[in-house]
Protein backbone atom coordinates (compact mmCIF):
# COMPACT_ATOMS: atom_id res chain seq x y z
CA MET A 1 2.83 22.49 -0.88
CA SER A 2 0.05 22.17 1.64
CA VAL A 3 -0.49 19.00 3.64
CA GLY A 4 -3.89 18.40 2.02
CA SER A 5 -2.57 18.43 -1.53
CA CYS A 6 -1.21 14.93 -1.99
CA SER A 7 -1.07 14.12 -5.67
CA ASN A 8 -1.29 10.51 -6.69
CA MET A 9 -0.26 8.39 -9.63
CA GLU A 10 -2.71 6.21 -11.51
CA ASN A 11 -4.52 3.71 -9.33
CA TYR A 12 -4.01 0.05 -10.21
CA PRO A 13 -6.10 -3.04 -9.48
CA ILE A 14 -5.03 -5.91 -7.22
CA THR A 15 -7.15 -8.97 -6.49
CA VAL A 16 -6.65 -10.88 -3.25
CA SER A 17 -8.42 -14.11 -2.37
CA LYS A 18 -8.49 -16.10 0.84
CA ASP A 19 -10.56 -19.28 1.04
CA GLU A 20 -13.81 -18.45 -0.81
CA GLU A 21 -13.47 -14.71 -0.24
CA VAL A 22 -12.28 -12.58 -3.18
CA HIS A 23 -11.47 -8.87 -2.88
CA HIS A 24 -10.95 -6.57 -5.84
CA PHE A 25 -8.93 -3.61 -4.59
CA GLU A 26 -7.73 -0.47 -6.28
CA VAL A 27 -4.46 0.92 -4.92
CA GLY A 28 -3.29 4.50 -5.20
CA GLU A 29 0.27 5.55 -4.44
CA TYR A 30 0.73 9.05 -3.07
CA VAL A 31 4.14 10.20 -4.29
CA HIS A 32 4.31 13.20 -1.96
CA HIS A 33 4.31 10.96 1.10
CA LEU A 34 4.69 13.16 4.18
CA GLY A 35 6.41 11.57 7.16
CA ASP A 36 3.70 9.91 9.24
CA LYS A 37 1.01 10.06 6.53
CA CYS A 38 -0.10 6.92 4.73
CA LYS A 39 1.56 6.46 1.34
CA TYR A 40 -0.71 3.82 -0.24
CA ARG A 41 -4.51 4.17 -0.12
CA VAL A 42 -6.72 1.19 -0.88
CA PHE A 43 -10.26 1.27 -2.24
CA GLU A 44 -12.84 -1.46 -2.77
CA ASN A 45 -15.94 -0.72 -4.85
CA GLY A 46 -14.93 2.94 -4.89
CA LYS A 47 -14.84 3.18 -1.07
CA PHE A 48 -11.68 3.89 0.96
CA VAL A 49 -11.03 0.75 3.01
CA ALA A 50 -7.39 0.78 4.15
CA SER A 51 -3.97 2.39 3.81
CA PHE A 52 -0.35 1.37 4.21
CA THR A 53 2.86 3.15 5.06
CA PRO A 54 6.39 1.88 4.31
CA ASP A 55 9.05 1.55 6.97
CA ASP A 56 12.71 2.51 6.45
CA HIS A 57 13.27 -0.76 4.54
CA HIS A 58 10.23 -0.21 2.26
CA PHE A 59 8.18 -2.95 3.91
CA LEU A 60 4.53 -1.96 4.20
CA HIS A 61 2.61 -1.75 7.43
CA ILE A 62 -1.11 -1.20 7.92
CA CYS A 63 -1.71 2.49 8.55
CA GLU A 64 -5.52 2.59 8.61
CA ASN A 65 -8.21 -0.08 8.37
CA PRO A 66 -11.56 1.74 8.63
CA ALA A 67 -13.42 -1.11 6.86
CA ASN A 68 -12.10 -3.67 9.40
CA ILE A 69 -10.78 -5.96 6.66
CA ASP A 70 -9.22 -9.21 7.87
CA GLU A 71 -5.56 -8.39 8.58
CA GLU A 72 -4.39 -11.54 6.79
CA ILE A 73 -6.03 -10.19 3.60
CA LEU A 74 -4.28 -6.85 4.14
CA TYR A 75 -0.91 -8.57 4.62
CA MET A 76 -1.45 -10.47 1.35
CA LEU A 77 -2.35 -7.16 -0.30
CA ALA A 78 0.78 -5.50 1.14
CA ASP A 79 2.91 -8.30 -0.36
CA GLN A 80 1.40 -7.65 -3.79
CA ILE A 81 1.88 -3.87 -3.49
CA GLU A 82 5.54 -4.43 -2.55
CA ALA A 83 5.94 -6.71 -5.59
CA HIS A 84 4.39 -3.98 -7.77
CA HIS A 85 7.09 -1.53 -6.57
CA PRO A 86 10.42 -3.38 -6.83
CA GLN A 87 12.48 -0.18 -6.51
CA GLY A 88 12.28 -0.52 -2.72
CA ILE A 89 13.62 -4.06 -2.87
CA ASN A 90 16.53 -2.95 -5.09
CA ASP A 91 17.35 -0.17 -2.63
CA ASN A 92 17.49 -2.74 0.17
CA ILE A 93 19.87 -4.97 -1.82
CA ARG A 94 22.15 -1.98 -2.51
CA LYS A 95 22.16 -1.08 1.21
CA LEU A 96 23.06 -4.64 2.17
CA LYS A 97 26.02 -4.64 -0.24
CA LEU A 98 27.48 -1.45 1.26
């Protein structure tokens, strides 16, 4: 597999609002996440606006923010992405029980 050939699953919509500001994002998960590459890519109106990468505990961190979106909005988005992928949370619970 070459580095440029990341295949992704279906994108899914997530809406985030802060005060009067409403953002309609589309999130794509790249299942062939390679080390330091960003695993989740975020689009708004068809344009790439941000990406996230998980840490060892599956908590997301901002990887790229080329659209300079308010970081508080991105943190709210990261929370919703994490909620959309509960397998990471279950892995954490299993690790804590060991």
